Amino acid sequence: MRKGLLETVITGASTRTSHAQVVNELGRAIVAGEFPVGSTLPGDAELAARFKVSRTVLREAMKTLAAKGLIVPRARIGTRVTPRAQWNLFDSDILTWQLAKGVDEAFLLDLSEVRLAFEPHAAALAARFATDADISHMMRLAMAMGDPEHTAETLAMADLKFHLSVLEASRNPFFRTIGSLIEAALVGVFRLSSPARDRGKIDDVAASHIRIVEEIRRRDETGARRAMENVIRVGRERVVDALTERSQPQTQ
């Protein structure tokens, strides 16, 4: 089973197949700008030698990158890197490569805006459609976020499990596809600033997520929407504060 984006970042694990290696290294190079938008990639022979793989493996990897929108083959011209607007930014690999390039405020704020567009409505739908079993499951996950023994890594994983459970409880299968965006946002928070680094904040995090479940249990769609919005906005403010602090000159 393919590891999720957050687990991959936390554990540092990566897929070992030749195909995956080529996709990962070439995709990362494209996103990082080593091969700029509009440029033509080296020929098959050069790339096959660079990655020490057969041309068959290379061509399959190129098909994968083309499916992600990163490249397009042109007859008699070669394979070109496409404009960023054509990239599938929902793709978990592209998000991983973007995070490897380095998180910045614009990227993380863009992610939070997408979350605000989807997750509050998912919470409202959960208030309408969630079963008692769904609600009990979400409550257990929310309460687990209050464990004082959490590390930044375990808290991030607990946070992800909770938000994915809300998407599932919405009963809208399309919402599940934005799970990679939530993971990317949590990776950004995990790398910059985690409530687990301040034990006093863990209870606040758990309480804000419990509030979402309480509103869902009451079947209050507006309340569930607002509670989810609050959680996302607080996370965004934490990221902005961390980036601001990082950019300030250090005093001796």
C-alpha atoms as a PDB file:
ATOM      1  CA  MET A   1       0.000   0.000   0.000  1.00  0.00           C
ATOM      2  CA  ARG A   2       1.276   3.445  -0.907  1.00  0.00           C
ATOM      3  CA  LYS A   3       2.255   5.558   2.083  1.00  0.00           C
ATOM      4  CA  GLY A   4       0.370   8.784   2.597  1.00  0.00           C
ATOM      5  CA  LEU A   5       2.076  12.130   2.088  1.00  0.00           C
ATOM      6  CA  LEU A   6       2.234  12.914   5.811  1.00  0.00           C
ATOM      7  CA  GLU A   7       3.585   9.491   6.759  1.00  0.00           C
ATOM      8  CA  THR A   8       6.194   9.727   4.014  1.00  0.00           C
ATOM      9  CA  VAL A   9       7.433  13.088   5.281  1.00  0.00           C
ATOM     10  CA  ILE A  10       7.490  11.937   8.905  1.00  0.00           C
ATOM     11  CA  THR A  11       9.234   8.606   8.317  1.00  0.00           C
ATOM     12  CA  GLY A  12      11.372   9.660   5.369  1.00  0.00           C
ATOM     13  CA  ALA A  13      10.388   6.415   3.618  1.00  0.00           C
ATOM     14  CA  SER A  14      10.255   6.257  -0.158  1.00  0.00           C
ATOM     15  CA  THR A  15       9.292   3.742  -2.810  1.00  0.00           C
ATOM     16  CA  ARG A  16      12.252   1.741  -4.101  1.00  0.00           C
ATOM     17  CA  THR A  17      11.173   0.582  -7.576  1.00  0.00           C
ATOM     18  CA  SER A  18      13.077   1.935 -10.568  1.00  0.00           C
ATOM     19  CA  HIS A  19       9.898   3.420 -12.016  1.00  0.00           C
ATOM     20  CA  ALA A  20       9.062   5.226  -8.762  1.00  0.00           C
ATOM     21  CA  GLN A  21      12.640   6.473  -8.423  1.00  0.00           C
ATOM     22  CA  VAL A  22      12.602   8.063 -11.865  1.00  0.00           C
ATOM     23  CA  VAL A  23       9.155   9.592 -11.333  1.00  0.00           C
ATOM     24  CA  ASN A  24      10.176  10.960  -7.941  1.00  0.00           C
ATOM     25  CA  GLU A  25      13.566  12.383  -8.932  1.00  0.00           C
ATOM     26  CA  LEU A  26      12.471  13.830 -12.251  1.00  0.00           C
ATOM     27  CA  GLY A  27       9.202  15.184 -10.851  1.00  0.00           C
ATOM     28  CA  ARG A  28      11.031  16.793  -7.945  1.00  0.00           C
ATOM     29  CA  ALA A  29      13.526  18.377 -10.355  1.00  0.00           C
ATOM     30  CA  ILE A  30      10.709  19.823 -12.474  1.00  0.00           C
ATOM     31  CA  VAL A  31       8.819  21.265  -9.496  1.00  0.00           C
ATOM     32  CA  ALA A  32      12.059  22.678  -8.057  1.00  0.00           C
ATOM     33  CA  GLY A  33      12.769  24.451 -11.348  1.00  0.00           C
ATOM     34  CA  GLU A  34      15.810  22.438 -12.389  1.00  0.00           C
ATOM     35  CA  PHE A  35      13.878  21.954 -15.622  1.00  0.00           C
ATOM     36  CA  PRO A  36      11.983  25.259 -15.978  1.00  0.00           C
ATOM     37  CA  VAL A  37       8.513  25.615 -17.445  1.00  0.00           C
ATOM     38  CA  GLY A  38       8.738  25.575 -21.233  1.00  0.00           C
ATOM     39  CA  SER A  39      12.109  23.857 -21.319  1.00  0.00           C
ATOM     40  CA  THR A  40      12.734  20.608 -23.178  1.00  0.00           C
ATOM     41  CA  LEU A  41      13.878  17.610 -21.178  1.00  0.00           C
ATOM     42  CA  PRO A  42      17.031  15.732 -22.189  1.00  0.00           C
ATOM     43  CA  GLY A  43      16.538  12.851 -24.610  1.00  0.00           C
ATOM     44  CA  ASP A  44      15.682   9.287 -23.607  1.00  0.00           C
ATOM     45  CA  ALA A  45      19.249   8.065 -23.914  1.00  0.00           C
ATOM     46  CA  GLU A  46      20.598  10.780 -21.613  1.00  0.00           C
ATOM     47  CA  LEU A  47      17.859  10.326 -19.016  1.00  0.00           C
ATOM     48  CA  ALA A  48      18.137   6.539 -19.085  1.00  0.00           C
ATOM     49  CA  ALA A  49      21.867   6.876 -18.431  1.00  0.00           C
ATOM     50  CA  ARG A  50      21.305   9.460 -15.707  1.00  0.00           C
ATOM     51  CA  PHE A  51      18.876   7.234 -13.782  1.00  0.00           C
ATOM     52  CA  LYS A  52      20.533   3.946 -14.773  1.00  0.00           C
ATOM     53  CA  VAL A  53      17.256   2.431 -16.008  1.00  0.00           C
ATOM     54  CA  SER A  54      16.074   0.860 -19.244  1.00  0.00           C
ATOM     55  CA  ARG A  55      14.269   2.921 -21.845  1.00  0.00           C
ATOM     56  CA  THR A  56      11.115   0.918 -21.114  1.00  0.00           C
ATOM     57  CA  VAL A  57      11.179   1.994 -17.452  1.00  0.00           C
ATOM     58  CA  LEU A  58      11.947   5.562 -18.485  1.00  0.00           C
ATOM     59  CA  ARG A  59       9.032   5.733 -20.930  1.00  0.00           C
ATOM     60  CA  GLU A  60       6.600   4.404 -18.321  1.00  0.00           C
ATOM     61  CA  ALA A  61       7.859   7.023 -15.872  1.00  0.00           C
ATOM     62  CA  MET A  62       7.377   9.744 -18.470  1.00  0.00           C
ATOM     63  CA  LYS A  63       3.802   8.564 -19.008  1.00  0.00           C
ATOM     64  CA  THR A  64       3.201   8.910 -15.277  1.00  0.00           C
ATOM     65  CA  LEU A  65       4.589  12.447 -15.225  1.00  0.00           C
ATOM     66  CA  ALA A  66       2.504  13.346 -18.290  1.00  0.00           C
ATOM     67  CA  ALA A  67      -0.627  12.054 -16.520  1.00  0.00           C
ATOM     68  CA  LYS A  68       0.168  14.432 -13.640  1.00  0.00           C
ATOM     69  CA  GLY A  69       0.268  17.301 -16.133  1.00  0.00           C
ATOM     70  CA  LEU A  70       3.958  18.094 -15.649  1.00  0.00           C
ATOM     71  CA  ILE A  71       5.185  17.300 -19.148  1.00  0.00           C
ATOM     72  CA  VAL A  72       3.882  16.886 -22.686  1.00  0.00           C
ATOM     73  CA  PRO A  73       5.652  15.092 -25.572  1.00  0.00           C
ATOM     74  CA  ARG A  74       5.948  17.012 -28.850  1.00  0.00           C
ATOM     75  CA  ALA A  75       6.786  15.302 -32.141  1.00  0.00           C
ATOM     76  CA  ARG A  76      10.186  16.362 -33.500  1.00  0.00           C
ATOM     77  CA  ILE A  77      10.560  18.787 -30.582  1.00  0.00           C
ATOM     78  CA  GLY A  78      10.899  16.616 -27.511  1.00  0.00           C
ATOM     79  CA  THR A  79       9.256  16.464 -24.114  1.00  0.00           C
ATOM     80  CA  ARG A  80       8.470  19.878 -22.677  1.00  0.00           C
ATOM     81  CA  VAL A  81       7.692  20.993 -19.149  1.00  0.00           C
ATOM     82  CA  THR A  82       4.153  22.372 -19.088  1.00  0.00           C
ATOM     83  CA  PRO A  83       2.995  25.628 -17.447  1.00  0.00           C
ATOM     84  CA  ARG A  84       2.231  25.249 -13.734  1.00  0.00           C
ATOM     85  CA  ALA A  85      -1.449  25.982 -14.426  1.00  0.00           C
ATOM     86  CA  GLN A  86      -1.634  22.590 -16.147  1.00  0.00           C
ATOM     87  CA  TRP A  87      -0.177  20.620 -13.232  1.00  0.00           C
ATOM     88  CA  ASN A  88      -2.538  18.497 -11.160  1.00  0.00           C
ATOM     89  CA  LEU A  89      -1.986  20.274  -7.864  1.00  0.00           C
ATOM     90  CA  PHE A  90      -4.319  17.823  -6.106  1.00  0.00           C
ATOM     91  CA  ASP A  91      -1.824  15.037  -6.860  1.00  0.00           C
ATOM     92  CA  SER A  92      -0.099  13.855  -3.692  1.00  0.00           C
ATOM     93  CA  ASP A  93       3.267  13.415  -5.435  1.00  0.00           C
ATOM     94  CA  ILE A  94       3.239  16.975  -6.760  1.00  0.00           C
ATOM     95  CA  LEU A  95       2.312  18.235  -3.295  1.00  0.00           C
ATOM     96  CA  THR A  96       5.176  16.210  -1.822  1.00  0.00           C
ATOM     97  CA  TRP A  97       7.635  17.684  -4.314  1.00  0.00           C
ATOM     98  CA  GLN A  98       6.318  21.174  -3.625  1.00  0.00           C
ATOM     99  CA  LEU A  99       6.868  20.645   0.094  1.00  0.00           C
ATOM    100  CA  ALA A 100      10.376  19.294  -0.589  1.00  0.00           C
ATOM    101  CA  LYS A 101      11.115  22.494  -2.492  1.00  0.00           C
ATOM    102  CA  GLY A 102      10.264  24.412   0.673  1.00  0.00           C
ATOM    103  CA  VAL A 103       7.065  25.746   2.151  1.00  0.00           C
ATOM    104  CA  ASP A 104       6.265  29.421   1.920  1.00  0.00           C
ATOM    105  CA  GLU A 105       3.411  31.545   3.188  1.00  0.00           C
ATOM    106  CA  ALA A 106       1.676  31.818  -0.190  1.00  0.00           C
ATOM    107  CA  PHE A 107       1.636  28.044  -0.694  1.00  0.00           C
ATOM    108  CA  LEU A 108       0.276  27.299   2.776  1.00  0.00           C
ATOM    109  CA  LEU A 109      -2.289  30.082   2.633  1.00  0.00           C
ATOM    110  CA  ASP A 110      -3.493  28.793  -0.728  1.00  0.00           C
ATOM    111  CA  LEU A 111      -3.946  25.367   0.852  1.00  0.00           C
ATOM    112  CA  SER A 112      -5.915  26.845   3.734  1.00  0.00           C
ATOM    113  CA  GLU A 113      -8.211  28.659   1.311  1.00  0.00           C
ATOM    114  CA  VAL A 114      -8.975  25.385  -0.464  1.00  0.00           C
ATOM    115  CA  ARG A 115      -9.651  23.734   2.889  1.00  0.00           C
ATOM    116  CA  LEU A 116     -12.000  26.558   3.846  1.00  0.00           C
ATOM    117  CA  ALA A 117     -13.848  26.051   0.560  1.00  0.00           C
ATOM    118  CA  PHE A 118     -14.425  22.323   1.168  1.00  0.00           C
ATOM    119  CA  GLU A 119     -14.093  21.170   4.761  1.00  0.00           C
ATOM    120  CA  PRO A 120     -16.716  23.374   6.451  1.00  0.00           C
ATOM    121  CA  HIS A 121     -19.309  22.137   3.955  1.00  0.00           C
ATOM    122  CA  ALA A 122     -18.146  18.563   4.552  1.00  0.00           C
ATOM    123  CA  ALA A 123     -18.734  19.114   8.278  1.00  0.00           C
ATOM    124  CA  ALA A 124     -22.206  20.463   7.539  1.00  0.00           C
ATOM    125  CA  LEU A 125     -22.990  17.399   5.435  1.00  0.00           C
ATOM    126  CA  ALA A 126     -21.669  15.184   8.226  1.00  0.00           C
ATOM    127  CA  ALA A 127     -24.164  16.862  10.553  1.00  0.00           C
ATOM    128  CA  ARG A 128     -26.859  15.785   8.107  1.00  0.00           C
ATOM    129  CA  PHE A 129     -25.703  12.283   7.176  1.00  0.00           C
ATOM    130  CA  ALA A 130     -23.335  10.901   9.838  1.00  0.00           C
ATOM    131  CA  THR A 131     -24.498   7.770  11.628  1.00  0.00           C
ATOM    132  CA  ASP A 132     -24.216   7.312  15.380  1.00  0.00           C
ATOM    133  CA  ALA A 133     -21.228   5.039  14.718  1.00  0.00           C
ATOM    134  CA  ASP A 134     -19.599   7.783  12.609  1.00  0.00           C
ATOM    135  CA  ILE A 135     -20.103  10.320  15.374  1.00  0.00           C
ATOM    136  CA  SER A 136     -18.685   8.002  18.042  1.00  0.00           C
ATOM    137  CA  HIS A 137     -15.649   7.363  15.842  1.00  0.00           C
ATOM    138  CA  MET A 138     -15.067  11.084  15.245  1.00  0.00           C
ATOM    139  CA  MET A 139     -15.396  11.812  18.946  1.00  0.00           C
ATOM    140  CA  ARG A 140     -12.811   9.162  19.827  1.00  0.00           C
ATOM    141  CA  LEU A 141     -10.413  10.660  17.296  1.00  0.00           C
ATOM    142  CA  ALA A 142     -11.009  14.199  18.571  1.00  0.00           C
ATOM    143  CA  MET A 143     -10.473  13.187  22.195  1.00  0.00           C
ATOM    144  CA  ALA A 144      -7.313  11.286  21.241  1.00  0.00           C
ATOM    145  CA  MET A 145      -5.843  14.581  20.060  1.00  0.00           C
ATOM    146  CA  GLY A 146      -5.706  15.673  23.704  1.00  0.00           C
ATOM    147  CA  ASP A 147      -3.145  13.044  24.691  1.00  0.00           C
ATOM    148  CA  PRO A 148      -0.427  15.006  26.568  1.00  0.00           C
ATOM    149  CA  GLU A 149       2.187  12.508  25.352  1.00  0.00           C
ATOM    150  CA  HIS A 150       1.745  13.550  21.719  1.00  0.00           C
ATOM    151  CA  THR A 151       4.825  14.424  19.723  1.00  0.00           C
ATOM    152  CA  ALA A 152       4.545  16.759  16.747  1.00  0.00           C
ATOM    153  CA  GLU A 153       4.449  13.674  14.518  1.00  0.00           C
ATOM    154  CA  THR A 154       1.769  11.732  16.393  1.00  0.00           C
ATOM    155  CA  LEU A 155      -0.398  14.832  16.808  1.00  0.00           C
ATOM    156  CA  ALA A 156      -0.202  15.520  13.075  1.00  0.00           C
ATOM    157  CA  MET A 157      -1.286  11.944  12.325  1.00  0.00           C
ATOM    158  CA  ALA A 158      -4.152  12.183  14.833  1.00  0.00           C
ATOM    159  CA  ASP A 159      -5.222  15.482  13.270  1.00  0.00           C
ATOM    160  CA  LEU A 160      -5.215  13.937   9.800  1.00  0.00           C
ATOM    161  CA  LYS A 161      -7.280  10.926  10.893  1.00  0.00           C
ATOM    162  CA  PHE A 162      -9.901  13.227  12.383  1.00  0.00           C
ATOM    163  CA  HIS A 163     -10.280  15.423   9.310  1.00  0.00           C
ATOM    164  CA  LEU A 164     -10.444  12.423   6.985  1.00  0.00           C
ATOM    165  CA  SER A 165     -13.172  10.939   9.188  1.00  0.00           C
ATOM    166  CA  VAL A 166     -15.266  14.078   8.724  1.00  0.00           C
ATOM    167  CA  LEU A 167     -14.849  13.851   4.951  1.00  0.00           C
ATOM    168  CA  GLU A 168     -15.977  10.213   5.079  1.00  0.00           C
ATOM    169  CA  ALA A 169     -18.985  11.073   7.237  1.00  0.00           C
ATOM    170  CA  SER A 170     -20.105  13.687   4.687  1.00  0.00           C
ATOM    171  CA  ARG A 171     -21.049  10.767   2.394  1.00  0.00           C
ATOM    172  CA  ASN A 172     -19.756  12.726  -0.599  1.00  0.00           C
ATOM    173  CA  PRO A 173     -17.121  10.577  -2.345  1.00  0.00           C
ATOM    174  CA  PHE A 174     -15.571  13.596  -4.063  1.00  0.00           C
ATOM    175  CA  PHE A 175     -14.521  15.116  -0.746  1.00  0.00           C
ATOM    176  CA  ARG A 176     -12.233  12.166  -0.058  1.00  0.00           C
ATOM    177  CA  THR A 177     -10.090  13.236  -3.017  1.00  0.00           C
ATOM    178  CA  ILE A 178      -8.988  16.386  -1.188  1.00  0.00           C
ATOM    179  CA  GLY A 179      -7.353  14.310   1.533  1.00  0.00           C
ATOM    180  CA  SER A 180      -3.930  14.950  -0.018  1.00  0.00           C
ATOM    181  CA  LEU A 181      -4.467  18.702   0.330  1.00  0.00           C
ATOM    182  CA  ILE A 182      -5.232  18.310   4.014  1.00  0.00           C
ATOM    183  CA  GLU A 183      -2.114  16.170   4.392  1.00  0.00           C
ATOM    184  CA  ALA A 184      -0.006  18.819   2.651  1.00  0.00           C
ATOM    185  CA  ALA A 185      -1.362  21.532   4.948  1.00  0.00           C
ATOM    186  CA  LEU A 186      -0.615  19.416   8.012  1.00  0.00           C
ATOM    187  CA  VAL A 187       2.891  18.683   6.737  1.00  0.00           C
ATOM    188  CA  GLY A 188       3.460  22.427   6.491  1.00  0.00           C
ATOM    189  CA  VAL A 189       2.265  22.920  10.063  1.00  0.00           C
ATOM    190  CA  PHE A 190       4.268  19.906  11.241  1.00  0.00           C
ATOM    191  CA  ARG A 191       7.457  21.386   9.799  1.00  0.00           C
ATOM    192  CA  LEU A 192       6.896  24.942  11.002  1.00  0.00           C
ATOM    193  CA  SER A 193       5.013  24.880  14.258  1.00  0.00           C
ATOM    194  CA  SER A 194       3.135  22.201  16.161  1.00  0.00           C
ATOM    195  CA  PRO A 195       0.888  22.639  19.224  1.00  0.00           C
ATOM    196  CA  ALA A 196       2.650  19.558  20.624  1.00  0.00           C
ATOM    197  CA  ARG A 197       5.667  21.782  21.285  1.00  0.00           C
ATOM    198  CA  ASP A 198       3.536  23.678  23.815  1.00  0.00           C
ATOM    199  CA  ARG A 199       1.764  21.236  26.105  1.00  0.00           C
ATOM    200  CA  GLY A 200      -0.725  23.920  27.107  1.00  0.00           C
ATOM    201  CA  LYS A 201      -2.034  24.115  23.552  1.00  0.00           C
ATOM    202  CA  ILE A 202      -2.818  20.412  23.115  1.00  0.00           C
ATOM    203  CA  ASP A 203      -6.007  20.676  25.191  1.00  0.00           C
ATOM    204  CA  ASP A 204      -7.116  23.642  23.083  1.00  0.00           C
ATOM    205  CA  VAL A 205      -6.581  21.665  19.889  1.00  0.00           C
ATOM    206  CA  ALA A 206      -8.581  18.712  21.185  1.00  0.00           C
ATOM    207  CA  ALA A 207     -11.373  20.988  22.467  1.00  0.00           C
ATOM    208  CA  SER A 208     -11.767  22.750  19.119  1.00  0.00           C
ATOM    209  CA  HIS A 209     -12.088  19.416  17.314  1.00  0.00           C
ATOM    210  CA  ILE A 210     -14.472  18.034  19.931  1.00  0.00           C
ATOM    211  CA  ARG A 211     -16.618  21.105  19.289  1.00  0.00           C
ATOM    212  CA  ILE A 212     -16.951  20.069  15.639  1.00  0.00           C
ATOM    213  CA  VAL A 213     -18.214  16.637  16.667  1.00  0.00           C
ATOM    214  CA  GLU A 214     -20.617  18.120  19.212  1.00  0.00           C
ATOM    215  CA  GLU A 215     -22.186  20.295  16.523  1.00  0.00           C
ATOM    216  CA  ILE A 216     -22.427  17.294  14.202  1.00  0.00           C
ATOM    217  CA  ARG A 217     -24.058  15.273  16.979  1.00  0.00           C
ATOM    218  CA  ARG A 218     -26.620  18.060  17.455  1.00  0.00           C
ATOM    219  CA  ARG A 219     -27.285  17.932  13.695  1.00  0.00           C
ATOM    220  CA  ASP A 220     -26.486  21.634  13.595  1.00  0.00           C
ATOM    221  CA  GLU A 221     -25.128  22.131  10.086  1.00  0.00           C
ATOM    222  CA  THR A 222     -24.364  25.824  10.584  1.00  0.00           C
ATOM    223  CA  GLY A 223     -22.638  25.134  13.892  1.00  0.00           C
ATOM    224  CA  ALA A 224     -20.547  22.324  12.395  1.00  0.00           C
ATOM    225  CA  ARG A 225     -19.552  24.563   9.507  1.00  0.00           C
ATOM    226  CA  ARG A 226     -18.447  27.364  11.812  1.00  0.00           C
ATOM    227  CA  ALA A 227     -16.564  25.039  14.160  1.00  0.00           C
ATOM    228  CA  MET A 228     -14.590  23.600  11.236  1.00  0.00           C
ATOM    229  CA  GLU A 229     -13.865  27.075   9.873  1.00  0.00           C
ATOM    230  CA  ASN A 230     -12.489  28.060  13.270  1.00  0.00           C
ATOM    231  CA  VAL A 231     -10.107  25.087  13.391  1.00  0.00           C
ATOM    232  CA  ILE A 232      -8.726  25.836   9.921  1.00  0.00           C
ATOM    233  CA  ARG A 233      -8.355  29.570  10.584  1.00  0.00           C
ATOM    234  CA  VAL A 234      -6.520  28.959  13.871  1.00  0.00           C
ATOM    235  CA  GLY A 235      -4.136  26.593  12.073  1.00  0.00           C
ATOM    236  CA  ARG A 236      -3.545  29.199   9.387  1.00  0.00           C
ATOM    237  CA  GLU A 237      -2.783  31.866  11.982  1.00  0.00           C
ATOM    238  CA  ARG A 238      -0.275  29.534  13.630  1.00  0.00           C
ATOM    239  CA  VAL A 239       1.512  29.030  10.316  1.00  0.00           C
ATOM    240  CA  VAL A 240       1.617  32.764   9.586  1.00  0.00           C
ATOM    241  CA  ASP A 241       2.980  33.464  13.072  1.00  0.00           C
ATOM    242  CA  ALA A 242       5.672  30.796  12.650  1.00  0.00           C
ATOM    243  CA  LEU A 243       6.734  32.149   9.263  1.00  0.00           C
ATOM    244  CA  THR A 244       6.795  35.711  10.593  1.00  0.00           C
ATOM    245  CA  GLU A 245       8.939  34.666  13.526  1.00  0.00           C
ATOM    246  CA  ARG A 246      11.266  32.760  11.206  1.00  0.00           C
ATOM    247  CA  SER A 247      11.749  35.797   8.955  1.00  0.00           C
ATOM    248  CA  GLN A 248      12.672  38.134  11.795  1.00  0.00           C
ATOM    249  CA  PRO A 249      16.425  38.743  12.312  1.00  0.00           C
ATOM    250  CA  GLN A 250      17.897  36.920  15.284  1.00  0.00           C
ATOM    251  CA  THR A 251      19.206  39.162  18.047  1.00  0.00           C
ATOM    252  CA  GLN A 252      22.252  38.250  20.066  1.00  0.00           C
END
